[in-house]
N, C-alpha and C. Protein backbone atom coordinates (compact mmCIF):
# COMPACT_ATOMS: atom_id res chain seq x y z
N MET A 1 93.37 95.06 96.07
CA MET A 1 93.47 93.58 96.91
C MET A 1 92.41 93.44 97.51
N GLY A 2 92.02 92.08 97.51
CA GLY A 2 90.82 91.76 98.57
C GLY A 2 91.26 91.55 99.33
N ASN A 3 90.01 90.90 100.55
CA ASN A 3 90.35 90.42 102.02
C ASN A 3 91.21 90.26 102.11
N VAL A 4 91.84 90.54 103.11
CA VAL A 4 92.82 90.05 103.63
C VAL A 4 93.02 89.33 104.89
N GLY A 5 93.06 88.19 105.58
CA GLY A 5 93.11 88.21 107.35
C GLY A 5 93.69 86.97 107.29
N PHE A 6 93.67 85.73 108.50
CA PHE A 6 94.41 85.01 109.34
C PHE A 6 93.48 84.14 110.07
N THR A 7 93.90 83.00 110.24
CA THR A 7 93.22 82.65 111.48
C THR A 7 93.80 81.47 112.21
N VAL A 8 93.62 82.15 113.52
CA VAL A 8 94.32 81.63 114.46
C VAL A 8 94.01 80.60 115.61
N LYS A 9 94.61 79.28 115.17
CA LYS A 9 94.16 78.22 116.10
C LYS A 9 94.96 78.23 117.52
N ILE A 10 93.91 77.19 118.34
CA ILE A 10 94.86 78.00 119.66
C ILE A 10 94.48 76.50 120.56
N PRO A 11 94.81 75.35 120.40
CA PRO A 11 94.36 74.26 120.50
C PRO A 11 93.85 73.93 122.09
N GLU A 12 94.87 74.19 123.00
CA GLU A 12 94.67 74.48 124.40
C GLU A 12 94.11 75.44 125.38
N ILE A 13 93.30 76.56 124.37
CA ILE A 13 92.63 77.86 124.86
C ILE A 13 91.96 77.34 126.32
N ILE A 14 91.59 76.16 126.54
CA ILE A 14 90.35 76.67 127.78
C ILE A 14 91.45 75.99 128.95
N LYS A 15 92.63 75.28 128.54
CA LYS A 15 93.28 74.89 129.77
C LYS A 15 94.21 76.78 130.05
N LEU A 16 94.06 77.64 128.70
CA LEU A 16 94.71 78.60 129.23
C LEU A 16 93.90 79.50 130.27
N ALA A 17 92.51 79.61 129.20
CA ALA A 17 91.75 80.19 130.74
C ALA A 17 91.45 79.51 131.73
N GLU A 18 91.63 78.16 132.11
CA GLU A 18 91.23 78.25 133.66
C GLU A 18 92.99 78.47 134.40
N GLU A 19 93.99 78.56 133.56
CA GLU A 19 95.52 79.04 134.04
C GLU A 19 95.31 80.81 134.41
N HIS A 20 95.11 81.48 133.67
CA HIS A 20 94.96 82.91 133.36
C HIS A 20 93.84 83.86 133.50
N GLU A 21 93.66 84.83 133.84
CA GLU A 21 92.61 85.94 134.58
C GLU A 21 91.85 86.30 133.32
N LYS A 22 92.50 86.75 132.21
CA LYS A 22 92.96 87.42 131.13
C LYS A 22 93.78 86.88 129.76
N LEU A 23 93.35 86.33 128.44
CA LEU A 23 94.35 86.25 127.69
C LEU A 23 93.71 87.31 126.43
N GLN A 24 95.34 87.45 125.61
CA GLN A 24 95.76 88.55 124.57
C GLN A 24 96.00 87.69 123.42
N LEU A 25 96.17 88.31 123.01
CA LEU A 25 96.41 87.85 121.08
C LEU A 25 97.33 89.09 121.34
N ALA A 26 98.14 89.05 120.63
CA ALA A 26 99.33 90.47 120.10
C ALA A 26 100.23 89.64 118.86
N LEU A 27 100.43 90.61 118.11
CA LEU A 27 100.85 91.08 117.01
C LEU A 27 102.31 91.91 117.40
N ARG A 28 103.50 91.47 116.92
CA ARG A 28 104.95 91.83 117.68
C ARG A 28 105.72 92.20 116.56
N ALA A 29 106.34 93.40 116.10
CA ALA A 29 107.10 93.90 115.35
C ALA A 29 109.02 94.30 115.90
N GLY A 30 109.34 93.70 116.29
CA GLY A 30 110.48 94.32 117.17
C GLY A 30 110.34 94.53 118.72
N ASP A 31 110.23 95.87 118.94
CA ASP A 31 109.79 95.89 120.13
C ASP A 31 108.11 96.74 119.87
N GLU A 32 107.54 96.68 119.08
CA GLU A 32 106.43 97.41 119.38
C GLU A 32 105.38 95.72 119.20
N LYS A 33 104.37 96.65 119.79
CA LYS A 33 103.48 95.74 120.15
C LYS A 33 102.11 95.90 120.11
N GLU A 34 100.75 95.24 118.96
CA GLU A 34 99.26 95.64 119.34
C GLU A 34 98.82 94.55 119.61
N ILE A 35 98.28 94.44 120.88
CA ILE A 35 96.88 93.53 120.84
C ILE A 35 96.05 93.94 119.92
N ILE A 36 95.63 92.36 119.07
CA ILE A 36 94.59 92.49 118.38
C ILE A 36 93.28 92.36 118.96
N TRP A 37 93.71 91.34 119.58
CA TRP A 37 92.25 90.40 120.77
C TRP A 37 92.34 90.09 122.34
N GLU A 38 91.34 90.36 123.24
CA GLU A 38 91.64 90.21 124.63
C GLU A 38 90.47 89.91 124.91
N ALA A 39 90.51 88.95 126.02
CA ALA A 39 88.91 88.82 126.41
C ALA A 39 89.21 88.01 127.72
N THR A 40 88.13 87.85 129.21
CA THR A 40 88.61 87.39 130.52
C THR A 40 88.31 85.89 129.97
N ALA A 41 88.86 85.22 131.21
CA ALA A 41 89.10 83.99 130.93
C ALA A 41 87.71 83.66 130.83
N ALA A 42 86.54 83.90 131.80
CA ALA A 42 85.22 83.51 132.01
C ALA A 42 84.56 83.75 130.55
N GLU A 43 84.51 84.90 129.77
CA GLU A 43 84.51 84.86 128.01
C GLU A 43 84.82 83.41 127.49
N VAL A 44 86.30 83.45 127.18
CA VAL A 44 86.41 82.43 126.72
C VAL A 44 86.02 81.02 127.09
N LYS A 45 85.60 80.74 128.17
CA LYS A 45 84.91 79.46 127.97
C LYS A 45 83.07 79.21 128.08
N ASP A 46 83.18 80.65 128.59
CA ASP A 46 81.40 80.46 128.23
C ASP A 46 81.70 80.16 126.23
N PHE A 47 82.16 80.81 126.11
CA PHE A 47 82.48 80.84 124.63
C PHE A 47 82.86 79.49 123.60
N CYS A 48 83.70 78.96 124.36
CA CYS A 48 84.23 77.65 123.50
C CYS A 48 83.31 76.45 124.10
N GLU A 49 82.31 76.87 125.17
CA GLU A 49 81.51 75.93 125.57
C GLU A 49 80.31 75.58 124.75
N GLU A 50 80.14 76.71 124.17
CA GLU A 50 78.80 77.34 123.47
C GLU A 50 78.78 76.61 122.13
N SER A 51 80.79 77.27 121.51
CA SER A 51 81.05 76.21 120.48
C SER A 51 81.42 74.94 120.48
N LEU A 52 81.49 74.05 121.18
CA LEU A 52 81.32 72.96 121.21
C LEU A 52 80.66 72.38 121.21
N ILE A 53 79.06 72.80 121.26
CA ILE A 53 77.53 72.20 121.16
C ILE A 53 77.44 71.85 119.26
N GLU A 54 77.11 70.24 119.15
CA GLU A 54 77.28 70.37 117.31
C GLU A 54 75.08 70.03 117.26
N TYR A 55 75.11 70.74 116.45
CA TYR A 55 73.59 70.65 116.34
C TYR A 55 73.25 69.46 114.32
N HIS A 56 72.95 68.63 114.25
CA HIS A 56 72.33 67.66 113.56
C HIS A 56 70.93 67.76 112.89
N ILE A 57 71.31 68.17 111.75
CA ILE A 57 69.19 68.26 111.51
C ILE A 57 69.00 66.82 110.65
N ASP A 58 68.18 66.07 111.59
CA ASP A 58 67.94 65.18 110.56
C ASP A 58 66.47 65.01 109.51
N GLU A 59 65.83 66.22 109.61
CA GLU A 59 64.32 66.43 108.73
C GLU A 59 64.18 67.68 108.87
N GLU A 60 63.72 68.37 108.06
CA GLU A 60 63.27 69.73 107.81
C GLU A 60 61.45 69.32 107.54
N GLN A 61 60.50 69.90 107.76
CA GLN A 61 59.39 69.92 106.66
C GLN A 61 58.56 70.53 107.07
N ILE A 62 57.54 71.27 106.14
CA ILE A 62 56.61 72.18 106.14
C ILE A 62 55.04 71.38 106.11
N THR A 63 54.63 71.96 107.47
CA THR A 63 53.42 71.35 107.40
C THR A 63 52.25 72.86 107.90
N GLN A 64 50.79 72.29 107.39
CA GLN A 64 49.95 73.33 107.53
C GLN A 64 50.30 74.76 106.66
N GLU A 65 51.28 74.36 105.48
CA GLU A 65 51.60 75.69 105.22
C GLU A 65 52.16 76.81 105.70
N SER A 66 52.38 76.64 106.95
CA SER A 66 53.45 77.45 107.70
C SER A 66 53.90 77.28 108.28
N ILE A 67 54.25 75.77 108.83
CA ILE A 67 54.55 75.12 109.92
C ILE A 67 56.59 74.80 110.23
N LEU A 68 57.47 75.20 110.22
CA LEU A 68 58.52 74.63 109.66
C LEU A 68 58.73 73.50 111.29
N THR A 69 58.68 71.76 110.76
CA THR A 69 58.97 71.42 112.07
C THR A 69 60.47 70.85 112.05
N VAL A 70 61.52 70.67 112.67
CA VAL A 70 62.68 70.05 112.04
C VAL A 70 63.11 68.99 113.61
N ARG A 71 63.25 67.98 112.78
CA ARG A 71 63.62 66.59 114.09
C ARG A 71 65.23 66.86 113.28
N GLY A 72 65.70 66.54 115.07
CA GLY A 72 67.79 66.26 114.87
C GLY A 72 67.52 66.01 116.15
N TRP A 73 69.69 65.80 116.15
CA TRP A 73 69.97 65.63 117.13
C TRP A 73 70.97 66.89 117.96
N VAL A 74 71.45 67.32 119.21
CA VAL A 74 72.46 67.40 119.80
C VAL A 74 73.79 67.00 120.80
N VAL A 75 74.83 67.07 120.23
CA VAL A 75 76.26 66.54 120.49
C VAL A 75 76.60 68.21 121.83
N LYS A 76 76.41 67.27 123.33
CA LYS A 76 76.73 68.78 124.11
C LYS A 76 78.03 68.00 125.35
N PRO A 77 78.89 68.14 125.01
CA PRO A 77 79.99 67.64 125.91
C PRO A 77 79.79 67.90 127.36
N ALA A 78 80.47 66.94 127.82
CA ALA A 78 80.17 66.46 129.33
C ALA A 78 80.89 67.85 129.82
N GLY A 79 80.24 68.68 130.57
CA GLY A 79 80.89 69.88 131.14
C GLY A 79 80.85 71.00 130.78
N ALA A 80 79.91 71.07 129.84
CA ALA A 80 79.86 71.94 128.75
C ALA A 80 78.38 72.37 129.32
N GLY A 81 78.58 74.29 129.19
CA GLY A 81 77.16 74.58 129.73
C GLY A 81 76.50 74.78 130.55
């Protein structure tokens, strides 16, 4: 068997982080519960703000044989970071 995994999407995670001090992701089977991830609200907000930044590279150029010059732009939502 190869690598097995899954993706969890939580569209309102920032709202949840504003309403709770700690977030957990748990798996349940009947009465059994296994927490597979947890973070504080501050950790979630910091991660989401960093993840929302978009970087766009328009041009890359190596000059003087060893200097990399990159031109581009960044989109950072209002209130992020």
